Amino acid sequence: MEPTSQVTHHRWNDMPVDQLSDTIGRRLITGQDMMLAHVYLKKGAIVPRHQHINEQITYILEGALRFHIGEGEGKEVIVRAGEVLCIPSNVWHQAEALEDTLDVD
């Protein structure tokens, strides 16, 4: 198959919102081996502690998230609008929305 036939074009506003909880929603664009998400978090929302094989790059467009990184006491990082957090593969992490937030993962 010609690689150009696999090219896709998306508009965020055309993508459905997956409401994961009362405080967290997301829009997903998926490829064969990657995905890109707009994640909408209301102030106080908690993304439960988890890990995954993929690296995670989080870019905050609006708002701020407090991340708890690693096991035990670990490390705390606050990421604000215009900032990017890179989390390596298999590192435990959790996030809390300090204000209404839009991030790109």
PDB file of N, CA and C in Angstrom:
ATOM      1  N   MET A   1       0.848  -1.187   0.000  1.00  0.00           N
ATOM      2  CA  MET A   1       0.000   0.000   0.000  1.00  0.00           C
ATOM      3  C   MET A   1       0.890   1.245   0.000  1.00  0.00           C
ATOM      4  N   GLU A   2       0.548   2.190  -0.813  1.00  0.00           N
ATOM      5  CA  GLU A   2       1.264   3.472  -0.907  1.00  0.00           C
ATOM      6  C   GLU A   2       1.169   4.196   0.432  1.00  0.00           C
ATOM      7  N   PRO A   3       2.315   4.574   1.072  1.00  0.00           N
ATOM      8  CA  PRO A   3       2.279   5.260   2.371  1.00  0.00           C
ATOM      9  C   PRO A   3       1.401   6.511   2.383  1.00  0.00           C
ATOM     10  N   THR A   4       1.340   7.243   1.276  1.00  0.00           N
ATOM     11  CA  THR A   4       0.523   8.471   1.281  1.00  0.00           C
ATOM     12  C   THR A   4      -0.962   8.163   1.408  1.00  0.00           C
ATOM     13  N   SER A   5      -1.374   6.938   1.069  1.00  0.00           N
ATOM     14  CA  SER A   5      -2.794   6.583   1.201  1.00  0.00           C
ATOM     15  C   SER A   5      -3.176   6.383   2.666  1.00  0.00           C
ATOM     16  N   GLN A   6      -2.193   6.289   3.546  1.00  0.00           N
ATOM     17  CA  GLN A   6      -2.454   6.100   4.969  1.00  0.00           C
ATOM     18  C   GLN A   6      -2.445   7.411   5.743  1.00  0.00           C
ATOM     19  N   VAL A   7      -2.187   8.511   5.059  1.00  0.00           N
ATOM     20  CA  VAL A   7      -2.162   9.825   5.704  1.00  0.00           C
ATOM     21  C   VAL A   7      -3.582  10.202   6.111  1.00  0.00           C
ATOM     22  N   THR A   8      -3.736  10.683   7.341  1.00  0.00           N
ATOM     23  CA  THR A   8      -5.052  11.132   7.815  1.00  0.00           C
ATOM     24  C   THR A   8      -4.946  12.560   8.331  1.00  0.00           C
ATOM     25  N   HIS A   9      -6.058  13.255   8.329  1.00  0.00           N
ATOM     26  CA  HIS A   9      -6.129  14.643   8.788  1.00  0.00           C
ATOM     27  C   HIS A   9      -7.315  14.742   9.741  1.00  0.00           C
ATOM     28  N   HIS A  10      -7.117  15.374  10.894  1.00  0.00           N
ATOM     29  CA  HIS A  10      -8.160  15.435  11.926  1.00  0.00           C
ATOM     30  C   HIS A  10      -8.333  16.855  12.434  1.00  0.00           C
ATOM     31  N   ARG A  11      -9.517  17.145  12.944  1.00  0.00           N
ATOM     32  CA  ARG A  11      -9.798  18.377  13.678  1.00  0.00           C
ATOM     33  C   ARG A  11     -10.249  17.961  15.078  1.00  0.00           C
ATOM     34  N   TRP A  12      -9.601  18.545  16.099  1.00  0.00           N
ATOM     35  CA  TRP A  12      -9.938  18.167  17.476  1.00  0.00           C
ATOM     36  C   TRP A  12     -11.434  18.276  17.729  1.00  0.00           C
ATOM     37  N   ASN A  13     -12.057  19.359  17.277  1.00  0.00           N
ATOM     38  CA  ASN A  13     -13.479  19.563  17.560  1.00  0.00           C
ATOM     39  C   ASN A  13     -14.381  18.542  16.877  1.00  0.00           C
ATOM     40  N   ASP A  14     -13.867  17.824  15.891  1.00  0.00           N
ATOM     41  CA  ASP A  14     -14.644  16.773  15.232  1.00  0.00           C
ATOM     42  C   ASP A  14     -14.519  15.429  15.949  1.00  0.00           C
ATOM     43  N   MET A  15     -13.559  15.318  16.847  1.00  0.00           N
ATOM     44  CA  MET A  15     -13.337  14.057  17.559  1.00  0.00           C
ATOM     45  C   MET A  15     -14.282  13.981  18.760  1.00  0.00           C
ATOM     46  N   PRO A  16     -14.915  12.822  19.000  1.00  0.00           N
ATOM     47  CA  PRO A  16     -15.826  12.704  20.142  1.00  0.00           C
ATOM     48  C   PRO A  16     -15.066  12.777  21.470  1.00  0.00           C
ATOM     49  N   VAL A  17     -15.726  13.303  22.490  1.00  0.00           N
ATOM     50  CA  VAL A  17     -15.145  13.349  23.836  1.00  0.00           C
ATOM     51  C   VAL A  17     -15.519  12.059  24.555  1.00  0.00           C
ATOM     52  N   ASP A  18     -14.503  11.349  25.022  1.00  0.00           N
ATOM     53  CA  ASP A  18     -14.665  10.167  25.874  1.00  0.00           C
ATOM     54  C   ASP A  18     -14.730  10.678  27.299  1.00  0.00           C
ATOM     55  N   GLN A  19     -15.869  10.593  27.975  1.00  0.00           N
ATOM     56  CA  GLN A  19     -15.969  11.081  29.352  1.00  0.00           C
ATOM     57  C   GLN A  19     -15.555   9.941  30.272  1.00  0.00           C
ATOM     58  N   LEU A  20     -14.346  10.012  30.833  1.00  0.00           N
ATOM     59  CA  LEU A  20     -13.807   8.936  31.660  1.00  0.00           C
ATOM     60  C   LEU A  20     -14.362   8.965  33.075  1.00  0.00           C
ATOM     61  N   SER A  21     -14.718  10.161  33.549  1.00  0.00           N
ATOM     62  CA  SER A  21     -15.312  10.343  34.879  1.00  0.00           C
ATOM     63  C   SER A  21     -16.021  11.689  34.870  1.00  0.00           C
ATOM     64  N   ASP A  22     -16.566  12.084  36.009  1.00  0.00           N
ATOM     65  CA  ASP A  22     -17.217  13.399  36.106  1.00  0.00           C
ATOM     66  C   ASP A  22     -16.223  14.533  35.896  1.00  0.00           C
ATOM     67  N   THR A  23     -14.940  14.269  36.135  1.00  0.00           N
ATOM     68  CA  THR A  23     -13.934  15.336  36.103  1.00  0.00           C
ATOM     69  C   THR A  23     -12.878  15.188  35.012  1.00  0.00           C
ATOM     70  N   ILE A  24     -12.920  14.088  34.256  1.00  0.00           N
ATOM     71  CA  ILE A  24     -11.901  13.842  33.224  1.00  0.00           C
ATOM     72  C   ILE A  24     -12.552  13.386  31.919  1.00  0.00           C
ATOM     73  N   GLY A  25     -12.201  14.081  30.838  1.00  0.00           N
ATOM     74  CA  GLY A  25     -12.628  13.681  29.498  1.00  0.00           C
ATOM     75  C   GLY A  25     -11.432  13.729  28.570  1.00  0.00           C
ATOM     76  N   ARG A  26     -11.552  13.074  27.419  1.00  0.00           N
ATOM     77  CA  ARG A  26     -10.438  13.115  26.467  1.00  0.00           C
ATOM     78  C   ARG A  26     -10.946  12.911  25.045  1.00  0.00           C
ATOM     79  N   ARG A  27     -10.171  13.440  24.120  1.00  0.00           N
ATOM     80  CA  ARG A  27     -10.360  13.196  22.692  1.00  0.00           C
ATOM     81  C   ARG A  27      -9.104  12.479  22.215  1.00  0.00           C
ATOM     82  N   LEU A  28      -9.274  11.405  21.442  1.00  0.00           N
ATOM     83  CA  LEU A  28      -8.132  10.605  20.991  1.00  0.00           C
ATOM     84  C   LEU A  28      -8.000  10.612  19.479  1.00  0.00           C
ATOM     85  N   ILE A  29      -6.770  10.668  19.033  1.00  0.00           N
ATOM     86  CA  ILE A  29      -6.427  10.407  17.644  1.00  0.00           C
ATOM     87  C   ILE A  29      -5.418   9.268  17.694  1.00  0.00           C
ATOM     88  N   THR A  30      -5.720   8.172  17.002  1.00  0.00           N
ATOM     89  CA  THR A  30      -4.846   7.011  17.073  1.00  0.00           C
ATOM     90  C   THR A  30      -4.277   6.679  15.703  1.00  0.00           C
ATOM     91  N   GLY A  31      -3.031   6.252  15.724  1.00  0.00           N
ATOM     92  CA  GLY A  31      -2.366   5.745  14.535  1.00  0.00           C
ATOM     93  C   GLY A  31      -2.119   4.267  14.731  1.00  0.00           C
ATOM     94  N   GLN A  32      -1.229   3.715  13.953  1.00  0.00           N
ATOM     95  CA  GLN A  32      -0.921   2.294  14.076  1.00  0.00           C
ATOM     96  C   GLN A  32      -0.144   2.002  15.356  1.00  0.00           C
ATOM     97  N   ASP A  33       0.830   2.856  15.697  1.00  0.00           N
ATOM     98  CA  ASP A  33       1.685   2.599  16.855  1.00  0.00           C
ATOM     99  C   ASP A  33       1.710   3.731  17.870  1.00  0.00           C
ATOM    100  N   MET A  34       0.929   4.776  17.639  1.00  0.00           N
ATOM    101  CA  MET A  34       0.942   5.931  18.542  1.00  0.00           C
ATOM    102  C   MET A  34      -0.471   6.469  18.719  1.00  0.00           C
ATOM    103  N   MET A  35      -0.632   7.260  19.761  1.00  0.00           N
ATOM    104  CA  MET A  35      -1.879   7.988  19.932  1.00  0.00           C
ATOM    105  C   MET A  35      -1.562   9.380  20.456  1.00  0.00           C
ATOM    106  N   LEU A  36      -2.493  10.286  20.230  1.00  0.00           N
ATOM    107  CA  LEU A  36      -2.380  11.654  20.712  1.00  0.00           C
ATOM    108  C   LEU A  36      -3.713  11.982  21.356  1.00  0.00           C
ATOM    109  N   ALA A  37      -3.676  12.603  22.535  1.00  0.00           N
ATOM    110  CA  ALA A  37      -4.913  12.884  23.262  1.00  0.00           C
ATOM    111  C   ALA A  37      -4.959  14.323  23.737  1.00  0.00           C
ATOM    112  N   HIS A  38      -6.134  14.902  23.658  1.00  0.00           N
ATOM    113  CA  HIS A  38      -6.458  16.116  24.399  1.00  0.00           C
ATOM    114  C   HIS A  38      -7.143  15.618  25.660  1.00  0.00           C
ATOM    115  N   VAL A  39      -6.621  15.964  26.818  1.00  0.00           N
ATOM    116  CA  VAL A  39      -7.199  15.519  28.082  1.00  0.00           C
ATOM    117  C   VAL A  39      -7.737  16.744  28.808  1.00  0.00           C
ATOM    118  N   TYR A  40      -9.019  16.673  29.181  1.00  0.00           N
ATOM    119  CA  TYR A  40      -9.713  17.772  29.853  1.00  0.00           C
ATOM    120  C   TYR A  40      -9.921  17.381  31.309  1.00  0.00           C
ATOM    121  N   LEU A  41      -9.322  18.139  32.228  1.00  0.00           N
ATOM    122  CA  LEU A  41      -9.425  17.824  33.651  1.00  0.00           C
ATOM    123  C   LEU A  41      -9.998  19.020  34.399  1.00  0.00           C
ATOM    124  N   LYS A  42     -11.030  18.765  35.196  1.00  0.00           N
ATOM    125  CA  LYS A  42     -11.569  19.820  36.050  1.00  0.00           C
ATOM    126  C   LYS A  42     -10.710  19.915  37.305  1.00  0.00           C
ATOM    127  N   LYS A  43     -10.664  21.099  37.886  1.00  0.00           N
ATOM    128  CA  LYS A  43      -9.893  21.303  39.117  1.00  0.00           C
ATOM    129  C   LYS A  43     -10.252  20.221  40.125  1.00  0.00           C
ATOM    130  N   GLY A  44      -9.225  19.611  40.717  1.00  0.00           N
ATOM    131  CA  GLY A  44      -9.424  18.552  41.699  1.00  0.00           C
ATOM    132  C   GLY A  44      -9.441  17.150  41.108  1.00  0.00           C
ATOM    133  N   ALA A  45      -9.494  17.033  39.790  1.00  0.00           N
ATOM    134  CA  ALA A  45      -9.492  15.711  39.150  1.00  0.00           C
ATOM    135  C   ALA A  45      -8.201  14.969  39.486  1.00  0.00           C
ATOM    136  N   ILE A  46      -8.322  13.669  39.676  1.00  0.00           N
ATOM    137  CA  ILE A  46      -7.169  12.814  39.962  1.00  0.00           C
ATOM    138  C   ILE A  46      -7.047  11.760  38.865  1.00  0.00           C
ATOM    139  N   VAL A  47      -5.877  11.688  38.257  1.00  0.00           N
ATOM    140  CA  VAL A  47      -5.550  10.579  37.355  1.00  0.00           C
ATOM    141  C   VAL A  47      -4.863   9.546  38.239  1.00  0.00           C
ATOM    142  N   PRO A  48      -5.480   8.361  38.428  1.00  0.00           N
ATOM    143  CA  PRO A  48      -4.921   7.379  39.358  1.00  0.00           C
ATOM    144  C   PRO A  48      -3.495   6.962  38.997  1.00  0.00           C
ATOM    145  N   ARG A  49      -2.768   6.533  40.019  1.00  0.00           N
ATOM    146  CA  ARG A  49      -1.388   6.067  39.855  1.00  0.00           C
ATOM    147  C   ARG A  49      -1.372   4.902  38.867  1.00  0.00           C
ATOM    148  N   HIS A  50      -0.470   4.982  37.902  1.00  0.00           N
ATOM    149  CA  HIS A  50      -0.354   3.939  36.891  1.00  0.00           C
ATOM    150  C   HIS A  50       1.022   3.999  36.232  1.00  0.00           C
ATOM    151  N   GLN A  51       1.298   3.013  35.419  1.00  0.00           N
ATOM    152  CA  GLN A  51       2.513   2.982  34.609  1.00  0.00           C
ATOM    153  C   GLN A  51       2.160   2.302  33.299  1.00  0.00           C
ATOM    154  N   HIS A  52       2.982   2.507  32.288  1.00  0.00           N
ATOM    155  CA  HIS A  52       2.770   1.858  31.003  1.00  0.00           C
ATOM    156  C   HIS A  52       4.098   1.732  30.273  1.00  0.00           C
ATOM    157  N   ILE A  53       4.110   0.839  29.298  1.00  0.00           N
ATOM    158  CA  ILE A  53       5.330   0.550  28.540  1.00  0.00           C
ATOM    159  C   ILE A  53       5.793   1.756  27.727  1.00  0.00           C
ATOM    160  N   ASN A  54       4.840   2.583  27.302  1.00  0.00           N
ATOM    161  CA  ASN A  54       5.184   3.738  26.475  1.00  0.00           C
ATOM    162  C   ASN A  54       5.724   4.876  27.316  1.00  0.00           C
ATOM    163  N   GLU A  55       6.646   5.628  26.736  1.00  0.00           N
ATOM    164  CA  GLU A  55       7.024   6.895  27.338  1.00  0.00           C
ATOM    165  C   GLU A  55       5.807   7.811  27.255  1.00  0.00           C
ATOM    166  N   GLN A  56       5.743   8.793  28.132  1.00  0.00           N
ATOM    167  CA  GLN A  56       4.648   9.762  28.079  1.00  0.00           C
ATOM    168  C   GLN A  56       5.226  11.162  28.009  1.00  0.00           C
ATOM    169  N   ILE A  57       4.733  11.940  27.061  1.00  0.00           N
ATOM    170  CA  ILE A  57       5.087  13.350  26.969  1.00  0.00           C
ATOM    171  C   ILE A  57       3.797  14.125  27.171  1.00  0.00           C
ATOM    172  N   THR A  58       3.754  14.944  28.218  1.00  0.00           N
ATOM    173  CA  THR A  58       2.570  15.733  28.544  1.00  0.00           C
ATOM    174  C   THR A  58       2.890  17.205  28.361  1.00  0.00           C
ATOM    175  N   TYR A  59       2.100  17.863  27.529  1.00  0.00           N
ATOM    176  CA  TYR A  59       2.247  19.292  27.241  1.00  0.00           C
ATOM    177  C   TYR A  59       0.989  19.986  27.748  1.00  0.00           C
ATOM    178  N   ILE A  60       1.151  20.895  28.695  1.00  0.00           N
ATOM    179  CA  ILE A  60       0.007  21.597  29.279  1.00  0.00           C
ATOM    180  C   ILE A  60      -0.305  22.832  28.434  1.00  0.00           C
ATOM    181  N   LEU A  61      -1.507  22.855  27.867  1.00  0.00           N
ATOM    182  CA  LEU A  61      -1.950  24.009  27.080  1.00  0.00           C
ATOM    183  C   LEU A  61      -2.596  25.063  27.968  1.00  0.00           C
ATOM    184  N   GLU A  62      -3.396  24.608  28.942  1.00  0.00           N
ATOM    185  CA  GLU A  62      -4.081  25.505  29.882  1.00  0.00           C
ATOM    186  C   GLU A  62      -4.098  24.831  31.244  1.00  0.00           C
ATOM    187  N   GLY A  63      -3.965  25.624  32.313  1.00  0.00           N
ATOM    188  CA  GLY A  63      -4.078  25.085  33.658  1.00  0.00           C
ATOM    189  C   GLY A  63      -2.760  24.580  34.218  1.00  0.00           C
ATOM    190  N   ALA A  64      -2.862  23.628  35.163  1.00  0.00           N
ATOM    191  CA  ALA A  64      -1.672  23.085  35.830  1.00  0.00           C
ATOM    192  C   ALA A  64      -1.997  21.725  36.431  1.00  0.00           C
ATOM    193  N   LEU A  65      -1.026  20.820  36.369  1.00  0.00           N
ATOM    194  CA  LEU A  65      -1.141  19.495  36.977  1.00  0.00           C
ATOM    195  C   LEU A  65       0.008  19.277  37.948  1.00  0.00           C
ATOM    196  N   ARG A  66      -0.308  18.653  39.081  1.00  0.00           N
ATOM    197  CA  ARG A  66       0.724  18.209  40.030  1.00  0.00           C
ATOM    198  C   ARG A  66       0.916  16.713  39.798  1.00  0.00           C
ATOM    199  N   PHE A  67       2.124  16.325  39.404  1.00  0.00           N
ATOM    200  CA  PHE A  67       2.445  14.921  39.188  1.00  0.00           C
ATOM    201  C   PHE A  67       3.194  14.374  40.387  1.00  0.00           C
ATOM    202  N   HIS A  68       2.855  13.152  40.774  1.00  0.00           N
ATOM    203  CA  HIS A  68       3.620  12.370  41.747  1.00  0.00           C
ATOM    204  C   HIS A  68       4.291  11.278  40.916  1.00  0.00           C
ATOM    205  N   ILE A  69       5.612  11.307  40.882  1.00  0.00           N
ATOM    206  CA  ILE A  69       6.392  10.431  40.008  1.00  0.00           C
ATOM    207  C   ILE A  69       7.176   9.432  40.842  1.00  0.00           C
ATOM    208  N   GLY A  70       7.157   8.166  40.434  1.00  0.00           N
ATOM    209  CA  GLY A  70       7.963   7.146  41.083  1.00  0.00           C
ATOM    210  C   GLY A  70       7.222   6.429  42.191  1.00  0.00           C
ATOM    211  N   GLU A  71       7.949   5.572  42.877  1.00  0.00           N
ATOM    212  CA  GLU A  71       7.370   4.763  43.942  1.00  0.00           C
ATOM    213  C   GLU A  71       7.659   5.388  45.296  1.00  0.00           C
ATOM    214  N   GLY A  72       6.870   5.005  46.296  1.00  0.00           N
ATOM    215  CA  GLY A  72       7.057   5.556  47.635  1.00  0.00           C
ATOM    216  C   GLY A  72       6.904   7.062  47.635  1.00  0.00           C
ATOM    217  N   GLU A  73       7.813   7.744  48.300  1.00  0.00           N
ATOM    218  CA  GLU A  73       7.788   9.209  48.346  1.00  0.00           C
ATOM    219  C   GLU A  73       7.933   9.797  46.949  1.00  0.00           C
ATOM    220  N   GLY A  74       8.796   9.194  46.146  1.00  0.00           N
ATOM    221  CA  GLY A  74       8.985   9.634  44.769  1.00  0.00           C
ATOM    222  C   GLY A  74       9.327  11.103  44.644  1.00  0.00           C
ATOM    223  N   LYS A  75       8.809  11.712  43.601  1.00  0.00           N
ATOM    224  CA  LYS A  75       9.131  13.092  43.260  1.00  0.00           C
ATOM    225  C   LYS A  75       7.835  13.800  42.889  1.00  0.00           C
ATOM    226  N   GLU A  76       7.701  15.048  43.293  1.00  0.00           N
ATOM    227  CA  GLU A  76       6.528  15.843  42.933  1.00  0.00           C
ATOM    228  C   GLU A  76       6.951  16.929  41.948  1.00  0.00           C
ATOM    229  N   VAL A  77       6.181  17.068  40.867  1.00  0.00           N
ATOM    230  CA  VAL A  77       6.473  18.070  39.841  1.00  0.00           C
ATOM    231  C   VAL A  77       5.171  18.776  39.479  1.00  0.00           C
ATOM    232  N   ILE A  78       5.183  20.102  39.492  1.00  0.00           N
ATOM    233  CA  ILE A  78       4.027  20.869  39.029  1.00  0.00           C
ATOM    234  C   ILE A  78       4.337  21.356  37.621  1.00  0.00           C
ATOM    235  N   VAL A  79       3.434  21.033  36.699  1.00  0.00           N
ATOM    236  CA  VAL A  79       3.605  21.385  35.291  1.00  0.00           C
ATOM    237  C   VAL A  79       2.493  22.364  34.923  1.00  0.00           C
ATOM    238  N   ARG A  80       2.893  23.525  34.420  1.00  0.00           N
ATOM    239  CA  ARG A  80       1.944  24.608  34.123  1.00  0.00           C
ATOM    240  C   ARG A  80       1.838  24.847  32.619  1.00  0.00           C
ATOM    241  N   ALA A  81       0.882  25.688  32.234  1.00  0.00           N
ATOM    242  CA  ALA A  81       0.657  26.008  30.824  1.00  0.00           C
ATOM    243  C   ALA A  81       1.968  26.408  30.150  1.00  0.00           C
ATOM    244  N   GLY A  82       2.222  25.823  28.987  1.00  0.00           N
ATOM    245  CA  GLY A  82       3.443  26.103  28.240  1.00  0.00           C
ATOM    246  C   GLY A  82       4.607  25.202  28.603  1.00  0.00           C
ATOM    247  N   GLU A  83       4.412  24.307  29.578  1.00  0.00           N
ATOM    248  CA  GLU A  83       5.488  23.412  30.019  1.00  0.00           C
ATOM    249  C   GLU A  83       5.212  21.978  29.570  1.00  0.00           C
ATOM    250  N   VAL A  84       6.292  21.192  29.513  1.00  0.00           N
ATOM    251  CA  VAL A  84       6.224  19.807  29.056  1.00  0.00           C
ATOM    252  C   VAL A  84       6.892  18.906  30.087  1.00  0.00           C
ATOM    253  N   LEU A  85       6.274  17.772  30.367  1.00  0.00           N
ATOM    254  CA  LEU A  85       6.845  16.761  31.256  1.00  0.00           C
ATOM    255  C   LEU A  85       7.067  15.491  30.448  1.00  0.00           C
ATOM    256  N   CYS A  86       8.268  14.914  30.531  1.00  0.00           N
ATOM    257  CA  CYS A  86       8.601  13.658  29.855  1.00  0.00           C
ATOM    258  C   CYS A  86       8.776  12.578  30.914  1.00  0.00           C
ATOM    259  N   ILE A  87       7.956  11.536  30.830  1.00  0.00           N
ATOM    260  CA  ILE A  87       7.999  10.436  31.796  1.00  0.00           C
ATOM    261  C   ILE A  87       8.505   9.194  31.062  1.00  0.00           C
ATOM    262  N   PRO A  88       9.605   8.592  31.533  1.00  0.00           N
ATOM    263  CA  PRO A  88      10.143   7.400  30.872  1.00  0.00           C
ATOM    264  C   PRO A  88       9.193   6.200  30.969  1.00  0.00           C
ATOM    265  N   SER A  89       9.448   5.217  30.151  1.00  0.00           N
ATOM    266  CA  SER A  89       8.705   3.964  30.141  1.00  0.00           C
ATOM    267  C   SER A  89       8.696   3.317  31.528  1.00  0.00           C
ATOM    268  N   ASN A  90       7.544   2.765  31.900  1.00  0.00           N
ATOM    269  CA  ASN A  90       7.363   1.976  33.130  1.00  0.00           C
ATOM    270  C   ASN A  90       7.565   2.739  34.432  1.00  0.00           C
ATOM    271  N   VAL A  91       7.549   4.056  34.409  1.00  0.00           N
ATOM    272  CA  VAL A  91       7.665   4.845  35.642  1.00  0.00           C
ATOM    273  C   VAL A  91       6.258   5.120  36.182  1.00  0.00           C
ATOM    274  N   TRP A  92       6.044   4.788  37.453  1.00  0.00           N
ATOM    275  CA  TRP A  92       4.751   5.037  38.085  1.00  0.00           C
ATOM    276  C   TRP A  92       4.499   6.540  38.163  1.00  0.00           C
ATOM    277  N   HIS A  93       3.246   6.951  37.919  1.00  0.00           N
ATOM    278  CA  HIS A  93       2.896   8.368  38.016  1.00  0.00           C
ATOM    279  C   HIS A  93       1.401   8.536  38.273  1.00  0.00           C
ATOM    280  N   GLN A  94       1.092   9.670  38.868  1.00  0.00           N
ATOM    281  CA  GLN A  94      -0.279  10.065  39.190  1.00  0.00           C
ATOM    282  C   GLN A  94      -0.344  11.566  38.981  1.00  0.00           C
ATOM    283  N   ALA A  95      -1.528  12.082  38.650  1.00  0.00           N
ATOM    284  CA  ALA A  95      -1.650  13.523  38.441  1.00  0.00           C
ATOM    285  C   ALA A  95      -2.892  14.063  39.132  1.00  0.00           C
ATOM    286  N   GLU A  96      -2.794  15.322  39.566  1.00  0.00           N
ATOM    287  CA  GLU A  96      -3.920  16.034  40.177  1.00  0.00           C
ATOM    288  C   GLU A  96      -4.038  17.391  39.489  1.00  0.00           C
ATOM    289  N   ALA A  97      -5.250  17.733  39.071  1.00  0.00           N
ATOM    290  CA  ALA A  97      -5.480  19.027  38.421  1.00  0.00           C
ATOM    291  C   ALA A  97      -5.574  20.115  39.482  1.00  0.00           C
ATOM    292  N   LEU A  98      -4.654  21.067  39.436  1.00  0.00           N
ATOM    293  CA  LEU A  98      -4.654  22.178  40.387  1.00  0.00           C
ATOM    294  C   LEU A  98      -5.636  23.270  39.963  1.00  0.00           C
ATOM    295  N   GLU A  99      -6.038  23.237  38.702  1.00  0.00           N
ATOM    296  CA  GLU A  99      -7.058  24.130  38.153  1.00  0.00           C
ATOM    297  C   GLU A  99      -7.622  23.432  36.921  1.00  0.00           C
ATOM    298  N   ASP A 100      -8.674  23.964  36.337  1.00  0.00           N
ATOM    299  CA  ASP A 100      -9.179  23.381  35.098  1.00  0.00           C
ATOM    300  C   ASP A 100      -8.027  23.340  34.100  1.00  0.00           C
ATOM    301  N   THR A 101      -7.822  22.177  33.481  1.00  0.00           N
ATOM    302  CA  THR A 101      -6.613  21.955  32.685  1.00  0.00           C
ATOM    303  C   THR A 101      -6.934  21.274  31.359  1.00  0.00           C
ATOM    304  N   LEU A 102      -6.200  21.670  30.330  1.00  0.00           N
ATOM    305  CA  LEU A 102      -6.193  20.977  29.041  1.00  0.00           C
ATOM    306  C   LEU A 102      -4.755  20.579  28.764  1.00  0.00           C
ATOM    307  N   ASP A 103      -4.529  19.276  28.609  1.00  0.00           N
ATOM    308  CA  ASP A 103      -3.177  18.829  28.266  1.00  0.00           C
ATOM    309  C   ASP A 103      -3.201  17.978  27.008  1.00  0.00           C
ATOM    310  N   VAL A 104      -2.045  17.884  26.388  1.00  0.00           N
ATOM    311  CA  VAL A 104      -1.852  17.022  25.229  1.00  0.00           C
ATOM    312  C   VAL A 104      -0.885  15.928  25.656  1.00  0.00           C
ATOM    313  N   ASP A 105      -1.306  14.676  25.504  1.00  0.00           N
ATOM    314  CA  ASP A 105      -0.458  13.514  25.805  1.00  0.00           C
ATOM    315  C   ASP A 105      -0.222  12.763  24.511  1.00  0.00           C
TER     316      ASP A 105
END
